[in-house]
Amino acid sequence: ITFSETDYEGVRLHHDDPVVVTLQVELLTMKRILIDSGSSADILFKHVFDQLRIMADQLRPVKTSLVGFAGDMVHPLGSINLSVVASTTTRQTQVQMTFLVVDTPSPYNAIVGRP
């Protein structure tokens, strides 16, 4: 995801506002995806994983724990590769992303990490 000068129109710089986007994940248009520049993990929350109607046996085991959800340690249910499309009316890109699926409450549907 890149931003041009026109994306900054009307934005006061030196702000801390979260960047929240809409992406197409598999065939689901997913809103409320947080771009987290302080994370290296791509997270998908279980309530959205369930909406994708993918069987849980498609998850690959993960031995890593995550830290940072209210300071607690979170153990992913597994990982899964999903097709993600970012688009505008004139441009589109599609990538495969590996998401860690976690069963924890969140105001977001997913977090895309960008270290």
PDB file of N, CA and C in Angstrom:
ATOM      1  N   ILE A   1       0.861  -1.166   0.000  1.00  0.00           N
ATOM      2  CA  ILE A   1       0.000   0.000   0.000  1.00  0.00           C
ATOM      3  C   ILE A   1       0.901   1.220   0.000  1.00  0.00           C
ATOM      4  N   THR A   2       0.670   2.113  -0.914  1.00  0.00           N
ATOM      5  CA  THR A   2       1.431   3.354  -0.970  1.00  0.00           C
ATOM      6  C   THR A   2       0.474   4.534  -0.989  1.00  0.00           C
ATOM      7  N   PHE A   3       0.975   5.683  -0.598  1.00  0.00           N
ATOM      8  CA  PHE A   3       0.177   6.896  -0.571  1.00  0.00           C
ATOM      9  C   PHE A   3       0.897   7.973  -1.364  1.00  0.00           C
ATOM     10  N   SER A   4       0.136   8.786  -2.076  1.00  0.00           N
ATOM     11  CA  SER A   4       0.714   9.876  -2.856  1.00  0.00           C
ATOM     12  C   SER A   4       0.404  11.199  -2.165  1.00  0.00           C
ATOM     13  N   GLU A   5       0.923  12.275  -2.734  1.00  0.00           N
ATOM     14  CA  GLU A   5       0.688  13.607  -2.176  1.00  0.00           C
ATOM     15  C   GLU A   5      -0.804  13.931  -2.122  1.00  0.00           C
ATOM     16  N   THR A   6      -1.586  13.462  -3.090  1.00  0.00           N
ATOM     17  CA  THR A   6      -3.024  13.767  -3.081  1.00  0.00           C
ATOM     18  C   THR A   6      -3.733  13.112  -1.899  1.00  0.00           C
ATOM     19  N   ASP A   7      -3.164  12.020  -1.373  1.00  0.00           N
ATOM     20  CA  ASP A   7      -3.763  11.380  -0.201  1.00  0.00           C
ATOM     21  C   ASP A   7      -3.603  12.226   1.056  1.00  0.00           C
ATOM     22  N   TYR A   8      -2.656  13.162   1.033  1.00  0.00           N
ATOM     23  CA  TYR A   8      -2.407  14.013   2.191  1.00  0.00           C
ATOM     24  C   TYR A   8      -3.241  15.285   2.178  1.00  0.00           C
ATOM     25  N   GLU A   9      -4.034  15.502   1.132  1.00  0.00           N
ATOM     26  CA  GLU A   9      -4.858  16.710   1.073  1.00  0.00           C
ATOM     27  C   GLU A   9      -5.824  16.729   2.249  1.00  0.00           C
ATOM     28  N   GLY A  10      -5.809  17.824   3.000  1.00  0.00           N
ATOM     29  CA  GLY A  10      -6.705  17.988   4.141  1.00  0.00           C
ATOM     30  C   GLY A  10      -6.247  17.280   5.410  1.00  0.00           C
ATOM     31  N   VAL A  11      -5.070  16.688   5.384  1.00  0.00           N
ATOM     32  CA  VAL A  11      -4.539  15.984   6.562  1.00  0.00           C
ATOM     33  C   VAL A  11      -3.493  16.858   7.234  1.00  0.00           C
ATOM     34  N   ARG A  12      -3.644  17.043   8.530  1.00  0.00           N
ATOM     35  CA  ARG A  12      -2.618  17.771   9.281  1.00  0.00           C
ATOM     36  C   ARG A  12      -1.492  16.800   9.583  1.00  0.00           C
ATOM     37  N   LEU A  13      -0.294  17.161   9.157  1.00  0.00           N
ATOM     38  CA  LEU A  13       0.833  16.256   9.347  1.00  0.00           C
ATOM     39  C   LEU A  13       1.313  16.246  10.792  1.00  0.00           C
ATOM     40  N   HIS A  14       2.139  15.257  11.066  1.00  0.00           N
ATOM     41  CA  HIS A  14       2.663  14.967  12.402  1.00  0.00           C
ATOM     42  C   HIS A  14       1.517  14.576  13.329  1.00  0.00           C
ATOM     43  N   HIS A  15       0.713  13.672  12.844  1.00  0.00           N
ATOM     44  CA  HIS A  15      -0.416  13.172  13.623  1.00  0.00           C
ATOM     45  C   HIS A  15      -0.169  11.703  13.972  1.00  0.00           C
ATOM     46  N   ASP A  16      -0.971  11.182  14.865  1.00  0.00           N
ATOM     47  CA  ASP A  16      -0.876   9.785  15.299  1.00  0.00           C
ATOM     48  C   ASP A  16      -2.101   8.981  14.930  1.00  0.00           C
ATOM     49  N   ASP A  17      -2.892   9.479  14.047  1.00  0.00           N
ATOM     50  CA  ASP A  17      -4.144   8.802  13.729  1.00  0.00           C
ATOM     51  C   ASP A  17      -3.873   7.436  13.118  1.00  0.00           C
ATOM     52  N   PRO A  18      -4.659   6.439  13.493  1.00  0.00           N
ATOM     53  CA  PRO A  18      -4.461   5.117  12.893  1.00  0.00           C
ATOM     54  C   PRO A  18      -4.879   5.124  11.424  1.00  0.00           C
ATOM     55  N   VAL A  19      -4.202   4.314  10.642  1.00  0.00           N
ATOM     56  CA  VAL A  19      -4.576   4.134   9.243  1.00  0.00           C
ATOM     57  C   VAL A  19      -5.453   2.885   9.183  1.00  0.00           C
ATOM     58  N   VAL A  20      -6.696   3.076   8.778  1.00  0.00           N
ATOM     59  CA  VAL A  20      -7.660   1.979   8.696  1.00  0.00           C
ATOM     60  C   VAL A  20      -8.150   1.916   7.258  1.00  0.00           C
ATOM     61  N   VAL A  21      -8.084   0.722   6.659  1.00  0.00           N
ATOM     62  CA  VAL A  21      -8.409   0.559   5.247  1.00  0.00           C
ATOM     63  C   VAL A  21      -9.458  -0.534   5.061  1.00  0.00           C
ATOM     64  N   THR A  22      -9.948  -0.618   3.841  1.00  0.00           N
ATOM     65  CA  THR A  22     -10.834  -1.697   3.409  1.00  0.00           C
ATOM     66  C   THR A  22     -10.102  -2.481   2.330  1.00  0.00           C
ATOM     67  N   LEU A  23     -10.063  -3.802   2.472  1.00  0.00           N
ATOM     68  CA  LEU A  23      -9.421  -4.681   1.498  1.00  0.00           C
ATOM     69  C   LEU A  23     -10.352  -5.843   1.190  1.00  0.00           C
ATOM     70  N   GLN A  24     -10.133  -6.465   0.059  1.00  0.00           N
ATOM     71  CA  GLN A  24     -10.873  -7.683  -0.256  1.00  0.00           C
ATOM     72  C   GLN A  24     -10.005  -8.864   0.168  1.00  0.00           C
ATOM     73  N   VAL A  25     -10.504  -9.657   1.101  1.00  0.00           N
ATOM     74  CA  VAL A  25      -9.797 -10.839   1.587  1.00  0.00           C
ATOM     75  C   VAL A  25     -10.606 -12.047   1.136  1.00  0.00           C
ATOM     76  N   GLU A  26      -9.955 -12.878   0.298  1.00  0.00           N
ATOM     77  CA  GLU A  26     -10.673 -13.943  -0.400  1.00  0.00           C
ATOM     78  C   GLU A  26     -11.830 -13.272  -1.138  1.00  0.00           C
ATOM     79  N   LEU A  27     -13.062 -13.614  -0.887  1.00  0.00           N
ATOM     80  CA  LEU A  27     -14.177 -12.973  -1.593  1.00  0.00           C
ATOM     81  C   LEU A  27     -14.956 -12.015  -0.698  1.00  0.00           C
ATOM     82  N   LEU A  28     -14.417 -11.719   0.469  1.00  0.00           N
ATOM     83  CA  LEU A  28     -15.095 -10.861   1.436  1.00  0.00           C
ATOM     84  C   LEU A  28     -14.485  -9.463   1.418  1.00  0.00           C
ATOM     85  N   THR A  29     -15.316  -8.445   1.228  1.00  0.00           N
ATOM     86  CA  THR A  29     -14.851  -7.067   1.351  1.00  0.00           C
ATOM     87  C   THR A  29     -14.782  -6.769   2.839  1.00  0.00           C
ATOM     88  N   MET A  30     -13.560  -6.580   3.329  1.00  0.00           N
ATOM     89  CA  MET A  30     -13.344  -6.456   4.758  1.00  0.00           C
ATOM     90  C   MET A  30     -12.996  -5.016   5.105  1.00  0.00           C
ATOM     91  N   LYS A  31     -13.815  -4.411   5.943  1.00  0.00           N
ATOM     92  CA  LYS A  31     -13.578  -3.057   6.430  1.00  0.00           C
ATOM     93  C   LYS A  31     -12.874  -3.135   7.781  1.00  0.00           C
ATOM     94  N   ARG A  32     -12.431  -1.994   8.286  1.00  0.00           N
ATOM     95  CA  ARG A  32     -11.786  -1.873   9.592  1.00  0.00           C
ATOM     96  C   ARG A  32     -10.541  -2.755   9.715  1.00  0.00           C
ATOM     97  N   ILE A  33      -9.619  -2.595   8.760  1.00  0.00           N
ATOM     98  CA  ILE A  33      -8.319  -3.265   8.828  1.00  0.00           C
ATOM     99  C   ILE A  33      -7.299  -2.213   9.242  1.00  0.00           C
ATOM    100  N   LEU A  34      -6.659  -2.448  10.372  1.00  0.00           N
ATOM    101  CA  LEU A  34      -5.666  -1.514  10.891  1.00  0.00           C
ATOM    102  C   LEU A  34      -4.315  -1.798  10.266  1.00  0.00           C
ATOM    103  N   ILE A  35      -3.660  -0.762   9.746  1.00  0.00           N
ATOM    104  CA  ILE A  35      -2.278  -0.869   9.286  1.00  0.00           C
ATOM    105  C   ILE A  35      -1.414  -0.480  10.479  1.00  0.00           C
ATOM    106  N   ASP A  36      -0.655  -1.437  10.990  1.00  0.00           N
ATOM    107  CA  ASP A  36       0.131  -1.231  12.204  1.00  0.00           C
ATOM    108  C   ASP A  36       1.613  -1.196  11.864  1.00  0.00           C
ATOM    109  N   SER A  37       2.177   0.007  11.863  1.00  0.00           N
ATOM    110  CA  SER A  37       3.579   0.160  11.487  1.00  0.00           C
ATOM    111  C   SER A  37       4.530  -0.335  12.573  1.00  0.00           C
ATOM    112  N   GLY A  38       4.009  -0.731  13.717  1.00  0.00           N
ATOM    113  CA  GLY A  38       4.864  -1.238  14.783  1.00  0.00           C
ATOM    114  C   GLY A  38       4.806  -2.744  14.927  1.00  0.00           C
ATOM    115  N   SER A  39       4.170  -3.423  13.995  1.00  0.00           N
ATOM    116  CA  SER A  39       4.001  -4.874  14.103  1.00  0.00           C
ATOM    117  C   SER A  39       4.553  -5.561  12.867  1.00  0.00           C
ATOM    118  N   SER A  40       5.076  -6.753  13.058  1.00  0.00           N
ATOM    119  CA  SER A  40       5.546  -7.538  11.909  1.00  0.00           C
ATOM    120  C   SER A  40       4.575  -8.670  11.578  1.00  0.00           C
ATOM    121  N   ALA A  41       3.506  -8.804  12.354  1.00  0.00           N
ATOM    122  CA  ALA A  41       2.556  -9.894  12.147  1.00  0.00           C
ATOM    123  C   ALA A  41       1.289  -9.387  11.472  1.00  0.00           C
ATOM    124  N   ASP A  42       0.716 -10.222  10.614  1.00  0.00           N
ATOM    125  CA  ASP A  42      -0.595  -9.960  10.023  1.00  0.00           C
ATOM    126  C   ASP A  42      -1.591 -10.813  10.798  1.00  0.00           C
ATOM    127  N   ILE A  43      -2.591 -10.159  11.387  1.00  0.00           N
ATOM    128  CA  ILE A  43      -3.517 -10.811  12.300  1.00  0.00           C
ATOM    129  C   ILE A  43      -4.920 -10.812  11.697  1.00  0.00           C
ATOM    130  N   LEU A  44      -5.588 -11.937  11.796  1.00  0.00           N
ATOM    131  CA  LEU A  44      -6.997 -12.048  11.421  1.00  0.00           C
ATOM    132  C   LEU A  44      -7.741 -12.529  12.654  1.00  0.00           C
ATOM    133  N   PHE A  45      -8.795 -11.837  13.005  1.00  0.00           N
ATOM    134  CA  PHE A  45      -9.535 -12.203  14.207  1.00  0.00           C
ATOM    135  C   PHE A  45     -10.540 -13.304  13.886  1.00  0.00           C
ATOM    136  N   LYS A  46     -10.761 -14.179  14.865  1.00  0.00           N
ATOM    137  CA  LYS A  46     -11.554 -15.390  14.652  1.00  0.00           C
ATOM    138  C   LYS A  46     -12.957 -15.091  14.139  1.00  0.00           C
ATOM    139  N   HIS A  47     -13.594 -14.029  14.609  1.00  0.00           N
ATOM    140  CA  HIS A  47     -14.952 -13.745  14.148  1.00  0.00           C
ATOM    141  C   HIS A  47     -14.987 -13.502  12.632  1.00  0.00           C
ATOM    142  N   VAL A  48     -13.911 -12.974  12.073  1.00  0.00           N
ATOM    143  CA  VAL A  48     -13.836 -12.771  10.617  1.00  0.00           C
ATOM    144  C   VAL A  48     -13.464 -14.078   9.921  1.00  0.00           C
ATOM    145  N   PHE A  49     -12.540 -14.838  10.512  1.00  0.00           N
ATOM    146  CA  PHE A  49     -12.195 -16.150   9.973  1.00  0.00           C
ATOM    147  C   PHE A  49     -13.448 -17.003   9.822  1.00  0.00           C
ATOM    148  N   ASP A  50     -14.327 -16.955  10.819  1.00  0.00           N
ATOM    149  CA  ASP A  50     -15.585 -17.716  10.753  1.00  0.00           C
ATOM    150  C   ASP A  50     -16.478 -17.222   9.608  1.00  0.00           C
ATOM    151  N   GLN A  51     -16.487 -15.913   9.352  1.00  0.00           N
ATOM    152  CA  GLN A  51     -17.292 -15.359   8.256  1.00  0.00           C
ATOM    153  C   GLN A  51     -16.784 -15.801   6.892  1.00  0.00           C
ATOM    154  N   LEU A  52     -15.486 -16.096   6.798  1.00  0.00           N
ATOM    155  CA  LEU A  52     -14.916 -16.566   5.533  1.00  0.00           C
ATOM    156  C   LEU A  52     -15.328 -18.003   5.218  1.00  0.00           C
ATOM    157  N   ARG A  53     -15.887 -18.687   6.201  1.00  0.00           N
ATOM    158  CA  ARG A  53     -16.365 -20.067   6.047  1.00  0.00           C
ATOM    159  C   ARG A  53     -15.257 -21.023   5.598  1.00  0.00           C
ATOM    160  N   ILE A  54     -14.087 -20.806   6.161  1.00  0.00           N
ATOM    161  CA  ILE A  54     -12.963 -21.708   5.927  1.00  0.00           C
ATOM    162  C   ILE A  54     -12.927 -22.680   7.100  1.00  0.00           C
ATOM    163  N   MET A  55     -12.757 -23.937   6.804  1.00  0.00           N
ATOM    164  CA  MET A  55     -12.725 -24.948   7.849  1.00  0.00           C
ATOM    165  C   MET A  55     -11.482 -24.758   8.727  1.00  0.00           C
ATOM    166  N   ALA A  56     -11.647 -24.953  10.026  1.00  0.00           N
ATOM    167  CA  ALA A  56     -10.549 -24.768  10.977  1.00  0.00           C
ATOM    168  C   ALA A  56      -9.389 -25.713  10.697  1.00  0.00           C
ATOM    169  N   ASP A  57      -9.662 -26.847  10.050  1.00  0.00           N
ATOM    170  CA  ASP A  57      -8.567 -27.783   9.765  1.00  0.00           C
ATOM    171  C   ASP A  57      -7.641 -27.263   8.666  1.00  0.00           C
ATOM    172  N   GLN A  58      -7.988 -26.128   8.051  1.00  0.00           N
ATOM    173  CA  GLN A  58      -7.118 -25.493   7.061  1.00  0.00           C
ATOM    174  C   GLN A  58      -6.012 -24.664   7.722  1.00  0.00           C
ATOM    175  N   LEU A  59      -6.160 -24.417   9.025  1.00  0.00           N
ATOM    176  CA  LEU A  59      -5.143 -23.652   9.752  1.00  0.00           C
ATOM    177  C   LEU A  59      -3.903 -24.505   9.972  1.00  0.00           C
ATOM    178  N   ARG A  60      -2.745 -23.890   9.749  1.00  0.00           N
ATOM    179  CA  ARG A  60      -1.476 -24.558  10.028  1.00  0.00           C
ATOM    180  C   ARG A  60      -1.075 -24.243  11.466  1.00  0.00           C
ATOM    181  N   PRO A  61      -0.543 -25.215  12.185  1.00  0.00           N
ATOM    182  CA  PRO A  61      -0.138 -24.966  13.578  1.00  0.00           C
ATOM    183  C   PRO A  61       0.946 -23.892  13.663  1.00  0.00           C
ATOM    184  N   VAL A  62       0.893 -23.125  14.739  1.00  0.00           N
ATOM    185  CA  VAL A  62       1.869 -22.062  14.998  1.00  0.00           C
ATOM    186  C   VAL A  62       2.352 -22.228  16.433  1.00  0.00           C
ATOM    187  N   LYS A  63       3.657 -22.178  16.620  1.00  0.00           N
ATOM    188  CA  LYS A  63       4.218 -22.341  17.964  1.00  0.00           C
ATOM    189  C   LYS A  63       4.540 -21.011  18.623  1.00  0.00           C
ATOM    190  N   THR A  64       4.383 -19.925  17.900  1.00  0.00           N
ATOM    191  CA  THR A  64       4.738 -18.598  18.395  1.00  0.00           C
ATOM    192  C   THR A  64       3.565 -17.981  19.149  1.00  0.00           C
ATOM    193  N   SER A  65       3.860 -17.261  20.205  1.00  0.00           N
ATOM    194  CA  SER A  65       2.843 -16.484  20.919  1.00  0.00           C
ATOM    195  C   SER A  65       2.993 -15.024  20.531  1.00  0.00           C
ATOM    196  N   LEU A  66       1.931 -14.281  20.692  1.00  0.00           N
ATOM    197  CA  LEU A  66       1.944 -12.841  20.410  1.00  0.00           C
ATOM    198  C   LEU A  66       1.825 -12.086  21.719  1.00  0.00           C
ATOM    199  N   VAL A  67       2.504 -10.961  21.803  1.00  0.00           N
ATOM    200  CA  VAL A  67       2.410 -10.098  22.968  1.00  0.00           C
ATOM    201  C   VAL A  67       1.975  -8.727  22.474  1.00  0.00           C
ATOM    202  N   GLY A  68       1.118  -8.088  23.231  1.00  0.00           N
ATOM    203  CA  GLY A  68       0.745  -6.738  22.850  1.00  0.00           C
ATOM    204  C   GLY A  68      -0.740  -6.482  22.912  1.00  0.00           C
ATOM    205  N   PHE A  69      -1.535  -7.491  23.049  1.00  0.00           N
ATOM    206  CA  PHE A  69      -2.969  -7.321  23.192  1.00  0.00           C
ATOM    207  C   PHE A  69      -3.229  -7.057  24.680  1.00  0.00           C
ATOM    208  N   ALA A  70      -3.271  -5.798  25.057  1.00  0.00           N
ATOM    209  CA  ALA A  70      -3.462  -5.378  26.439  1.00  0.00           C
ATOM    210  C   ALA A  70      -2.375  -5.958  27.339  1.00  0.00           C
ATOM    211  N   GLY A  71      -1.189  -6.197  26.770  1.00  0.00           N
ATOM    212  CA  GLY A  71      -0.073  -6.719  27.542  1.00  0.00           C
ATOM    213  C   GLY A  71      -0.135  -8.210  27.794  1.00  0.00           C
ATOM    214  N   ASP A  72      -1.185  -8.852  27.341  1.00  0.00           N
ATOM    215  CA  ASP A  72      -1.341 -10.283  27.547  1.00  0.00           C
ATOM    216  C   ASP A  72      -0.637 -11.062  26.455  1.00  0.00           C
ATOM    217  N   MET A  73      -0.372 -12.318  26.749  1.00  0.00           N
ATOM    218  CA  MET A  73       0.176 -13.224  25.758  1.00  0.00           C
ATOM    219  C   MET A  73      -1.007 -13.915  25.070  1.00  0.00           C
ATOM    220  N   VAL A  74      -1.000 -13.921  23.748  1.00  0.00           N
ATOM    221  CA  VAL A  74      -2.075 -14.529  22.969  1.00  0.00           C
ATOM    222  C   VAL A  74      -1.485 -15.652  22.132  1.00  0.00           C
ATOM    223  N   HIS A  75      -2.125 -16.806  22.161  1.00  0.00           N
ATOM    224  CA  HIS A  75      -1.675 -17.950  21.378  1.00  0.00           C
ATOM    225  C   HIS A  75      -2.546 -18.063  20.136  1.00  0.00           C
ATOM    226  N   PRO A  76      -1.970 -17.919  18.949  1.00  0.00           N
ATOM    227  CA  PRO A  76      -2.763 -18.034  17.716  1.00  0.00           C
ATOM    228  C   PRO A  76      -3.379 -19.424  17.580  1.00  0.00           C
ATOM    229  N   LEU A  77      -4.550 -19.457  16.966  1.00  0.00           N
ATOM    230  CA  LEU A  77      -5.195 -20.729  16.658  1.00  0.00           C
ATOM    231  C   LEU A  77      -4.465 -21.434  15.527  1.00  0.00           C
ATOM    232  N   GLY A  78      -3.734 -20.662  14.712  1.00  0.00           N
ATOM    233  CA  GLY A  78      -2.982 -21.186  13.588  1.00  0.00           C
ATOM    234  C   GLY A  78      -2.739 -20.083  12.583  1.00  0.00           C
ATOM    235  N   SER A  79      -2.149 -20.464  11.459  1.00  0.00           N
ATOM    236  CA  SER A  79      -1.907 -19.490  10.389  1.00  0.00           C
ATOM    237  C   SER A  79      -2.546 -19.994   9.102  1.00  0.00           C
ATOM    238  N   ILE A  80      -2.823 -19.047   8.219  1.00  0.00           N
ATOM    239  CA  ILE A  80      -3.441 -19.394   6.941  1.00  0.00           C
ATOM    240  C   ILE A  80      -3.035 -18.370   5.886  1.00  0.00           C
ATOM    241  N   ASN A  81      -2.806 -18.847   4.664  1.00  0.00           N
ATOM    242  CA  ASN A  81      -2.525 -17.960   3.531  1.00  0.00           C
ATOM    243  C   ASN A  81      -3.843 -17.573   2.881  1.00  0.00           C
ATOM    244  N   LEU A  82      -4.032 -16.281   2.669  1.00  0.00           N
ATOM    245  CA  LEU A  82      -5.249 -15.781   2.044  1.00  0.00           C
ATOM    246  C   LEU A  82      -4.900 -14.787   0.948  1.00  0.00           C
ATOM    247  N   SER A  83      -5.736 -14.751  -0.068  1.00  0.00           N
ATOM    248  CA  SER A  83      -5.594 -13.790  -1.152  1.00  0.00           C
ATOM    249  C   SER A  83      -6.157 -12.447  -0.692  1.00  0.00           C
ATOM    250  N   VAL A  84      -5.362 -11.384  -0.871  1.00  0.00           N
ATOM    251  CA  VAL A  84      -5.775 -10.043  -0.472  1.00  0.00           C
ATOM    252  C   VAL A  84      -5.659  -9.122  -1.675  1.00  0.00           C
ATOM    253  N   VAL A  85      -6.718  -8.363  -1.941  1.00  0.00           N
ATOM    254  CA  VAL A  85      -6.744  -7.421  -3.056  1.00  0.00           C
ATOM    255  C   VAL A  85      -6.929  -6.016  -2.502  1.00  0.00           C
ATOM    256  N   ALA A  86      -6.033  -5.121  -2.894  1.00  0.00           N
ATOM    257  CA  ALA A  86      -6.164  -3.699  -2.601  1.00  0.00           C
ATOM    258  C   ALA A  86      -6.411  -3.010  -3.934  1.00  0.00           C
ATOM    259  N   SER A  87      -7.426  -2.145  -3.974  1.00  0.00           N
ATOM    260  CA  SER A  87      -7.729  -1.529  -5.269  1.00  0.00           C
ATOM    261  C   SER A  87      -8.323  -0.145  -5.110  1.00  0.00           C
ATOM    262  N   THR A  88      -8.190   0.587  -6.200  1.00  0.00           N
ATOM    263  CA  THR A  88      -8.896   1.844  -6.403  1.00  0.00           C
ATOM    264  C   THR A  88      -9.633   1.662  -7.724  1.00  0.00           C
ATOM    265  N   THR A  89     -10.264   2.695  -8.200  1.00  0.00           N
ATOM    266  CA  THR A  89     -10.980   2.565  -9.465  1.00  0.00           C
ATOM    267  C   THR A  89     -10.038   2.375 -10.647  1.00  0.00           C
ATOM    268  N   THR A  90      -8.775   2.790 -10.514  1.00  0.00           N
ATOM    269  CA  THR A  90      -7.856   2.703 -11.648  1.00  0.00           C
ATOM    270  C   THR A  90      -6.726   1.686 -11.468  1.00  0.00           C
ATOM    271  N   ARG A  91      -6.477   1.240 -10.241  1.00  0.00           N
ATOM    272  CA  ARG A  91      -5.359   0.319  -9.990  1.00  0.00           C
ATOM    273  C   ARG A  91      -5.776  -0.772  -9.030  1.00  0.00           C
ATOM    274  N   GLN A  92      -5.116  -1.926  -9.177  1.00  0.00           N
ATOM    275  CA  GLN A  92      -5.419  -3.047  -8.295  1.00  0.00           C
ATOM    276  C   GLN A  92      -4.166  -3.900  -8.132  1.00  0.00           C
ATOM    277  N   THR A  93      -3.975  -4.423  -6.936  1.00  0.00           N
ATOM    278  CA  THR A  93      -2.895  -5.368  -6.702  1.00  0.00           C
ATOM    279  C   THR A  93      -3.410  -6.512  -5.840  1.00  0.00           C
ATOM    280  N   GLN A  94      -2.928  -7.698  -6.118  1.00  0.00           N
ATOM    281  CA  GLN A  94      -3.336  -8.886  -5.375  1.00  0.00           C
ATOM    282  C   GLN A  94      -2.089  -9.579  -4.839  1.00  0.00           C
ATOM    283  N   VAL A  95      -2.112  -9.942  -3.559  1.00  0.00           N
ATOM    284  CA  VAL A  95      -1.002 -10.638  -2.924  1.00  0.00           C
ATOM    285  C   VAL A  95      -1.540 -11.767  -2.060  1.00  0.00           C
ATOM    286  N   GLN A  96      -0.676 -12.736  -1.786  1.00  0.00           N
ATOM    287  CA  GLN A  96      -0.974 -13.782  -0.811  1.00  0.00           C
ATOM    288  C   GLN A  96      -0.366 -13.333   0.503  1.00  0.00           C
ATOM    289  N   MET A  97      -1.138 -13.348   1.563  1.00  0.00           N
ATOM    290  CA  MET A  97      -0.644 -12.953   2.876  1.00  0.00           C
ATOM    291  C   MET A  97      -0.863 -14.095   3.855  1.00  0.00           C
ATOM    292  N   THR A  98       0.062 -14.250   4.773  1.00  0.00           N
ATOM    293  CA  THR A  98      -0.075 -15.248   5.821  1.00  0.00           C
ATOM    294  C   THR A  98      -0.574 -14.554   7.081  1.00  0.00           C
ATOM    295  N   PHE A  99      -1.772 -14.921   7.509  1.00  0.00           N
ATOM    296  CA  PHE A  99      -2.388 -14.342   8.694  1.00  0.00           C
ATOM    297  C   PHE A  99      -2.296 -15.311   9.857  1.00  0.00           C
ATOM    298  N   LEU A 100      -2.040 -14.760  11.040  1.00  0.00           N
ATOM    299  CA  LEU A 100      -2.194 -15.514  12.272  1.00  0.00           C
ATOM    300  C   LEU A 100      -3.622 -15.293  12.748  1.00  0.00           C
ATOM    301  N   VAL A 101      -4.342 -16.356  13.008  1.00  0.00           N
ATOM    302  CA  VAL A 101      -5.735 -16.254  13.448  1.00  0.00           C
ATOM    303  C   VAL A 101      -5.752 -16.299  14.974  1.00  0.00           C
ATOM    304  N   VAL A 102      -6.356 -15.272  15.581  1.00  0.00           N
ATOM    305  CA  VAL A 102      -6.434 -15.201  17.037  1.00  0.00           C
ATOM    306  C   VAL A 102      -7.874 -15.039  17.480  1.00  0.00           C
ATOM    307  N   ASP A 103      -8.178 -15.632  18.624  1.00  0.00           N
ATOM    308  CA  ASP A 103      -9.524 -15.561  19.189  1.00  0.00           C
ATOM    309  C   ASP A 103      -9.489 -14.614  20.382  1.00  0.00           C
ATOM    310  N   THR A 104      -9.553 -13.323  20.073  1.00  0.00           N
ATOM    311  CA  THR A 104      -9.545 -12.284  21.092  1.00  0.00           C
ATOM    312  C   THR A 104     -10.393 -11.124  20.579  1.00  0.00           C
ATOM    313  N   PRO A 105     -11.050 -10.377  21.464  1.00  0.00           N
ATOM    314  CA  PRO A 105     -11.875  -9.255  20.997  1.00  0.00           C
ATOM    315  C   PRO A 105     -11.031  -8.137  20.393  1.00  0.00           C
ATOM    316  N   SER A 106     -11.586  -7.470  19.392  1.00  0.00           N
ATOM    317  CA  SER A 106     -10.907  -6.353  18.756  1.00  0.00           C
ATOM    318  C   SER A 106     -11.926  -5.484  18.028  1.00  0.00           C
ATOM    319  N   PRO A 107     -11.708  -4.169  18.015  1.00  0.00           N
ATOM    320  CA  PRO A 107     -12.583  -3.305  17.210  1.00  0.00           C
ATOM    321  C   PRO A 107     -12.273  -3.440  15.716  1.00  0.00           C
ATOM    322  N   TYR A 108     -11.148  -4.078  15.389  1.00  0.00           N
ATOM    323  CA  TYR A 108     -10.739  -4.257  13.997  1.00  0.00           C
ATOM    324  C   TYR A 108     -11.051  -5.680  13.552  1.00  0.00           C
ATOM    325  N   ASN A 109     -11.137  -5.857  12.242  1.00  0.00           N
ATOM    326  CA  ASN A 109     -11.335  -7.199  11.680  1.00  0.00           C
ATOM    327  C   ASN A 109     -10.005  -7.889  11.418  1.00  0.00           C
ATOM    328  N   ALA A 110      -8.988  -7.080  11.149  1.00  0.00           N
ATOM    329  CA  ALA A 110      -7.651  -7.607  10.901  1.00  0.00           C
ATOM    330  C   ALA A 110      -6.640  -6.516  11.193  1.00  0.00           C
ATOM    331  N   ILE A 111      -5.403  -6.940  11.359  1.00  0.00           N
ATOM    332  CA  ILE A 111      -4.284  -6.015  11.505  1.00  0.00           C
ATOM    333  C   ILE A 111      -3.227  -6.437  10.491  1.00  0.00           C
ATOM    334  N   VAL A 112      -2.806  -5.481   9.675  1.00  0.00           N
ATOM    335  CA  VAL A 112      -1.732  -5.728   8.724  1.00  0.00           C
ATOM    336  C   VAL A 112      -0.483  -5.075   9.289  1.00  0.00           C
ATOM    337  N   GLY A 113       0.506  -5.883   9.610  1.00  0.00           N
ATOM    338  CA  GLY A 113       1.728  -5.373  10.218  1.00  0.00           C
ATOM    339  C   GLY A 113       2.695  -4.849   9.176  1.00  0.00           C
ATOM    340  N   ARG A 114       3.317  -3.746   9.487  1.00  0.00           N
ATOM    341  CA  ARG A 114       4.340  -3.155   8.626  1.00  0.00           C
ATOM    342  C   ARG A 114       5.461  -2.682   9.518  1.00  0.00           C
ATOM    343  N   PRO A 115       6.492  -3.532   9.753  1.00  0.00           N
ATOM    344  CA  PRO A 115       7.564  -3.160  10.675  1.00  0.00           C
ATOM    345  C   PRO A 115       8.394  -1.989  10.166  1.00  0.00           C
TER     346      PRO A 115
END
